[in-house]
Amino acid sequence: MSSTGEKPGIGTYTCTNCGEQVKLDDNTDTLPPCPVCHKTEYRP
């Protein structure tokens, strides 16, 4: 599980609340709040 503000690395992360996917393209990218529901927990 990853949270907003973490830098979990390149990959696609799925919001645990609504299922929206966020893609990070760089190891230095930080997970944002979910763009749909604004929750902060993701699963890989």
PDB file of N, CA and C in Angstrom:
ATOM      1  N   MET A   1       0.848  -1.169   0.000  1.00  0.00           N
ATOM      2  CA  MET A   1       0.000   0.000   0.000  1.00  0.00           C
ATOM      3  C   MET A   1       0.899   1.239   0.000  1.00  0.00           C
ATOM      4  N   SER A   2       0.520   2.230  -0.779  1.00  0.00           N
ATOM      5  CA  SER A   2       1.259   3.482  -0.848  1.00  0.00           C
ATOM      6  C   SER A   2       0.303   4.629  -0.563  1.00  0.00           C
ATOM      7  N   SER A   3       0.858   5.723  -0.094  1.00  0.00           N
ATOM      8  CA  SER A   3       0.036   6.870   0.267  1.00  0.00           C
ATOM      9  C   SER A   3       0.495   8.120  -0.469  1.00  0.00           C
ATOM     10  N   THR A   4      -0.403   9.090  -0.574  1.00  0.00           N
ATOM     11  CA  THR A   4      -0.080  10.391  -1.155  1.00  0.00           C
ATOM     12  C   THR A   4       1.182  10.940  -0.493  1.00  0.00           C
ATOM     13  N   GLY A   5       2.079  11.485  -1.309  1.00  0.00           N
ATOM     14  CA  GLY A   5       3.316  12.056  -0.806  1.00  0.00           C
ATOM     15  C   GLY A   5       4.494  11.105  -0.876  1.00  0.00           C
ATOM     16  N   GLU A   6       4.234   9.812  -1.034  1.00  0.00           N
ATOM     17  CA  GLU A   6       5.316   8.837  -1.149  1.00  0.00           C
ATOM     18  C   GLU A   6       5.838   8.796  -2.579  1.00  0.00           C
ATOM     19  N   LYS A   7       7.049   8.276  -2.735  1.00  0.00           N
ATOM     20  CA  LYS A   7       7.667   8.093  -4.046  1.00  0.00           C
ATOM     21  C   LYS A   7       7.896   6.596  -4.245  1.00  0.00           C
ATOM     22  N   PRO A   8       6.836   5.855  -4.607  1.00  0.00           N
ATOM     23  CA  PRO A   8       6.948   4.390  -4.683  1.00  0.00           C
ATOM     24  C   PRO A   8       7.644   3.859  -5.926  1.00  0.00           C
ATOM     25  N   GLY A   9       7.972   4.732  -6.868  1.00  0.00           N
ATOM     26  CA  GLY A   9       8.670   4.293  -8.070  1.00  0.00           C
ATOM     27  C   GLY A   9       7.764   4.255  -9.291  1.00  0.00           C
ATOM     28  N   ILE A  10       8.358   3.951 -10.434  1.00  0.00           N
ATOM     29  CA  ILE A  10       7.639   3.905 -11.705  1.00  0.00           C
ATOM     30  C   ILE A  10       6.583   2.804 -11.664  1.00  0.00           C
ATOM     31  N   GLY A  11       5.400   3.120 -12.183  1.00  0.00           N
ATOM     32  CA  GLY A  11       4.346   2.118 -12.239  1.00  0.00           C
ATOM     33  C   GLY A  11       2.970   2.746 -12.214  1.00  0.00           C
ATOM     34  N   THR A  12       1.961   1.897 -12.215  1.00  0.00           N
ATOM     35  CA  THR A  12       0.575   2.338 -12.157  1.00  0.00           C
ATOM     36  C   THR A  12       0.020   1.958 -10.797  1.00  0.00           C
ATOM     37  N   TYR A  13      -0.606   2.912 -10.146  1.00  0.00           N
ATOM     38  CA  TYR A  13      -1.148   2.724  -8.804  1.00  0.00           C
ATOM     39  C   TYR A  13      -2.651   2.956  -8.837  1.00  0.00           C
ATOM     40  N   THR A  14      -3.396   2.118  -8.140  1.00  0.00           N
ATOM     41  CA  THR A  14      -4.854   2.144  -8.163  1.00  0.00           C
ATOM     42  C   THR A  14      -5.385   2.630  -6.819  1.00  0.00           C
ATOM     43  N   CYS A  15      -6.270   3.610  -6.857  1.00  0.00           N
ATOM     44  CA  CYS A  15      -6.883   4.135  -5.645  1.00  0.00           C
ATOM     45  C   CYS A  15      -7.682   3.024  -4.966  1.00  0.00           C
ATOM     46  N   THR A  16      -7.485   2.854  -3.655  1.00  0.00           N
ATOM     47  CA  THR A  16      -8.195   1.802  -2.937  1.00  0.00           C
ATOM     48  C   THR A  16      -9.658   2.167  -2.702  1.00  0.00           C
ATOM     49  N   ASN A  17     -10.014   3.430  -2.894  1.00  0.00           N
ATOM     50  CA  ASN A  17     -11.395   3.863  -2.671  1.00  0.00           C
ATOM     51  C   ASN A  17     -12.246   3.739  -3.932  1.00  0.00           C
ATOM     52  N   CYS A  18     -11.771   4.318  -5.054  1.00  0.00           N
ATOM     53  CA  CYS A  18     -12.622   4.374  -6.252  1.00  0.00           C
ATOM     54  C   CYS A  18     -12.081   3.597  -7.450  1.00  0.00           C
ATOM     55  N   GLY A  19     -10.823   3.135  -7.375  1.00  0.00           N
ATOM     56  CA  GLY A  19     -10.264   2.356  -8.479  1.00  0.00           C
ATOM     57  C   GLY A  19      -9.601   3.175  -9.565  1.00  0.00           C
ATOM     58  N   GLU A  20      -9.569   4.494  -9.423  1.00  0.00           N
ATOM     59  CA  GLU A  20      -8.887   5.351 -10.399  1.00  0.00           C
ATOM     60  C   GLU A  20      -7.405   4.993 -10.419  1.00  0.00           C
ATOM     61  N   GLN A  21      -6.805   4.997 -11.621  1.00  0.00           N
ATOM     62  CA  GLN A  21      -5.395   4.651 -11.743  1.00  0.00           C
ATOM     63  C   GLN A  21      -4.560   5.899 -11.992  1.00  0.00           C
ATOM     64  N   VAL A  22      -3.410   5.940 -11.316  1.00  0.00           N
ATOM     65  CA  VAL A  22      -2.453   7.030 -11.479  1.00  0.00           C
ATOM     66  C   VAL A  22      -1.152   6.393 -11.929  1.00  0.00           C
ATOM     67  N   LYS A  23      -0.563   6.930 -13.005  1.00  0.00           N
ATOM     68  CA  LYS A  23       0.681   6.380 -13.534  1.00  0.00           C
ATOM     69  C   LYS A  23       1.831   7.312 -13.183  1.00  0.00           C
ATOM     70  N   LEU A  24       2.892   6.732 -12.598  1.00  0.00           N
ATOM     71  CA  LEU A  24       4.102   7.489 -12.314  1.00  0.00           C
ATOM     72  C   LEU A  24       5.165   7.079 -13.324  1.00  0.00           C
ATOM     73  N   ASP A  25       5.780   8.070 -13.962  1.00  0.00           N
ATOM     74  CA  ASP A  25       6.737   7.815 -15.037  1.00  0.00           C
ATOM     75  C   ASP A  25       8.201   7.911 -14.608  1.00  0.00           C
ATOM     76  N   ASP A  26       8.438   8.335 -13.363  1.00  0.00           N
ATOM     77  CA  ASP A  26       9.808   8.544 -12.908  1.00  0.00           C
ATOM     78  C   ASP A  26       9.927   8.134 -11.443  1.00  0.00           C
ATOM     79  N   ASN A  27      11.088   7.653 -11.052  1.00  0.00           N
ATOM     80  CA  ASN A  27      11.295   7.243  -9.665  1.00  0.00           C
ATOM     81  C   ASN A  27      11.195   8.398  -8.677  1.00  0.00           C
ATOM     82  N   THR A  28      11.288   9.643  -9.173  1.00  0.00           N
ATOM     83  CA  THR A  28      11.208  10.802  -8.281  1.00  0.00           C
ATOM     84  C   THR A  28       9.798  11.379  -8.216  1.00  0.00           C
ATOM     85  N   ASP A  29       8.839  10.818  -8.982  1.00  0.00           N
ATOM     86  CA  ASP A  29       7.452  11.301  -8.947  1.00  0.00           C
ATOM     87  C   ASP A  29       6.813  10.967  -7.604  1.00  0.00           C
ATOM     88  N   THR A  30       5.991  11.881  -7.114  1.00  0.00           N
ATOM     89  CA  THR A  30       5.284  11.712  -5.847  1.00  0.00           C
ATOM     90  C   THR A  30       3.822  11.406  -6.123  1.00  0.00           C
ATOM     91  N   LEU A  31       3.254  10.453  -5.382  1.00  0.00           N
ATOM     92  CA  LEU A  31       1.830  10.138  -5.553  1.00  0.00           C
ATOM     93  C   LEU A  31       0.976  11.341  -5.137  1.00  0.00           C
ATOM     94  N   PRO A  32       0.053  11.764  -6.016  1.00  0.00           N
ATOM     95  CA  PRO A  32      -0.854  12.855  -5.677  1.00  0.00           C
ATOM     96  C   PRO A  32      -2.093  12.302  -4.977  1.00  0.00           C
ATOM     97  N   PRO A  33      -2.929  13.178  -4.398  1.00  0.00           N
ATOM     98  CA  PRO A  33      -4.249  12.694  -3.970  1.00  0.00           C
ATOM     99  C   PRO A  33      -4.989  12.186  -5.209  1.00  0.00           C
ATOM    100  N   CYS A  34      -5.888  11.239  -5.046  1.00  0.00           N
ATOM    101  CA  CYS A  34      -6.645  10.709  -6.180  1.00  0.00           C
ATOM    102  C   CYS A  34      -7.333  11.859  -6.909  1.00  0.00           C
ATOM    103  N   PRO A  35      -7.178  11.932  -8.253  1.00  0.00           N
ATOM    104  CA  PRO A  35      -7.806  13.019  -9.011  1.00  0.00           C
ATOM    105  C   PRO A  35      -9.335  12.931  -9.054  1.00  0.00           C
ATOM    106  N   VAL A  36      -9.902  11.784  -8.721  1.00  0.00           N
ATOM    107  CA  VAL A  36     -11.352  11.610  -8.773  1.00  0.00           C
ATOM    108  C   VAL A  36     -12.001  11.806  -7.399  1.00  0.00           C
ATOM    109  N   CYS A  37     -11.537  11.034  -6.407  1.00  0.00           N
ATOM    110  CA  CYS A  37     -12.203  11.060  -5.090  1.00  0.00           C
ATOM    111  C   CYS A  37     -11.374  11.767  -4.006  1.00  0.00           C
ATOM    112  N   HIS A  38     -10.128  12.127  -4.333  1.00  0.00           N
ATOM    113  CA  HIS A  38      -9.238  12.875  -3.428  1.00  0.00           C
ATOM    114  C   HIS A  38      -8.781  12.083  -2.198  1.00  0.00           C
ATOM    115  N   LYS A  39      -8.959  10.758  -2.228  1.00  0.00           N
ATOM    116  CA  LYS A  39      -8.440   9.923  -1.142  1.00  0.00           C
ATOM    117  C   LYS A  39      -6.923   9.766  -1.328  1.00  0.00           C
ATOM    118  N   THR A  40      -6.265   9.123  -0.392  1.00  0.00           N
ATOM    119  CA  THR A  40      -4.799   9.134  -0.396  1.00  0.00           C
ATOM    120  C   THR A  40      -4.129   7.756  -0.351  1.00  0.00           C
ATOM    121  N   GLU A  41      -4.902   6.661  -0.447  1.00  0.00           N
ATOM    122  CA  GLU A  41      -4.301   5.327  -0.379  1.00  0.00           C
ATOM    123  C   GLU A  41      -4.367   4.638  -1.744  1.00  0.00           C
ATOM    124  N   TYR A  42      -3.244   4.045  -2.127  1.00  0.00           N
ATOM    125  CA  TYR A  42      -3.148   3.342  -3.417  1.00  0.00           C
ATOM    126  C   TYR A  42      -2.589   1.948  -3.212  1.00  0.00           C
ATOM    127  N   ARG A  43      -2.926   1.056  -4.144  1.00  0.00           N
ATOM    128  CA  ARG A  43      -2.283  -0.252  -4.194  1.00  0.00           C
ATOM    129  C   ARG A  43      -1.583  -0.362  -5.547  1.00  0.00           C
ATOM    130  N   PRO A  44      -0.486  -1.140  -5.598  1.00  0.00           N
ATOM    131  CA  PRO A  44       0.244  -1.268  -6.881  1.00  0.00           C
ATOM    132  C   PRO A  44      -0.581  -1.974  -7.934  1.00  0.00           C
TER     133      PRO A  44
END
